[in-house]
Amino acid sequence: MNYLVSIADKFEIEILEVGIENIKLNTKEYPASQVRGGYIEYD
């Protein structure tokens, strides 16, 4: 974990902003109304 933080600092990557952006992308790709409670892939 410390290694990840030091690399992010070296490359000036904001970990929190990247995490929030990733959550937004996943929300668009996998809407909860279609995937919640199931293990079968949806169309």
C-alpha atoms as a PDB file:
ATOM      1  CA  MET A   1       0.000   0.000   0.000  1.00  0.00           C
ATOM      2  CA  ASN A   2       2.775   2.421   0.873  1.00  0.00           C
ATOM      3  CA  TYR A   3       4.456   1.604  -2.428  1.00  0.00           C
ATOM      4  CA  LEU A   4       1.286   2.477  -4.336  1.00  0.00           C
ATOM      5  CA  VAL A   5       0.962   5.800  -2.534  1.00  0.00           C
ATOM      6  CA  SER A   6       4.595   6.714  -3.180  1.00  0.00           C
ATOM      7  CA  ILE A   7       4.297   5.907  -6.899  1.00  0.00           C
ATOM      8  CA  ALA A   8       1.091   7.926  -7.156  1.00  0.00           C
ATOM      9  CA  ASP A   9       2.841  10.818  -5.451  1.00  0.00           C
ATOM     10  CA  LYS A  10       5.849  10.573  -7.776  1.00  0.00           C
ATOM     11  CA  PHE A  11       3.643  10.696 -10.881  1.00  0.00           C
ATOM     12  CA  GLU A  12       1.336  13.323  -9.341  1.00  0.00           C
ATOM     13  CA  ILE A  13      -1.729  11.095  -9.522  1.00  0.00           C
ATOM     14  CA  GLU A  14      -4.642  11.997  -7.278  1.00  0.00           C
ATOM     15  CA  ILE A  15      -5.765   8.600  -5.957  1.00  0.00           C
ATOM     16  CA  LEU A  16      -9.108   9.851  -4.663  1.00  0.00           C
ATOM     17  CA  GLU A  17     -10.034  11.529  -7.970  1.00  0.00           C
ATOM     18  CA  VAL A  18      -9.057   8.445  -9.966  1.00  0.00           C
ATOM     19  CA  GLY A  19     -11.122   6.246  -7.649  1.00  0.00           C
ATOM     20  CA  ILE A  20     -14.194   8.446  -7.988  1.00  0.00           C
ATOM     21  CA  GLU A  21     -13.805   8.513 -11.778  1.00  0.00           C
ATOM     22  CA  ASN A  22     -13.533   4.718 -11.819  1.00  0.00           C
ATOM     23  CA  ILE A  23     -16.714   4.371  -9.749  1.00  0.00           C
ATOM     24  CA  LYS A  24     -18.564   6.672 -12.170  1.00  0.00           C
ATOM     25  CA  LEU A  25     -17.422   4.587 -15.159  1.00  0.00           C
ATOM     26  CA  ASN A  26     -18.470   1.345 -13.459  1.00  0.00           C
ATOM     27  CA  THR A  27     -21.856   2.837 -12.601  1.00  0.00           C
ATOM     28  CA  LYS A  28     -22.473   3.570 -16.280  1.00  0.00           C
ATOM     29  CA  GLU A  29     -21.219   0.166 -17.436  1.00  0.00           C
ATOM     30  CA  TYR A  30     -22.954  -1.897 -14.746  1.00  0.00           C
ATOM     31  CA  PRO A  31     -26.219  -0.207 -13.706  1.00  0.00           C
ATOM     32  CA  ALA A  32     -27.386  -1.491 -10.331  1.00  0.00           C
ATOM     33  CA  SER A  33     -30.949  -1.959 -11.528  1.00  0.00           C
ATOM     34  CA  GLN A  34     -29.753  -4.611 -13.998  1.00  0.00           C
ATOM     35  CA  VAL A  35     -26.982  -6.384 -12.106  1.00  0.00           C
ATOM     36  CA  ARG A  36     -28.050  -6.268  -8.441  1.00  0.00           C
ATOM     37  CA  GLY A  37     -28.804  -9.658  -6.941  1.00  0.00           C
ATOM     38  CA  GLY A  38     -27.835 -11.704  -9.953  1.00  0.00           C
ATOM     39  CA  TYR A  39     -24.818 -13.532 -11.209  1.00  0.00           C
ATOM     40  CA  ILE A  40     -25.991 -14.002 -14.810  1.00  0.00           C
ATOM     41  CA  GLU A  41     -24.636 -11.605 -17.419  1.00  0.00           C
ATOM     42  CA  TYR A  42     -27.122  -9.121 -18.820  1.00  0.00           C
ATOM     43  CA  ASP A  43     -27.509  -7.605 -22.274  1.00  0.00           C
END
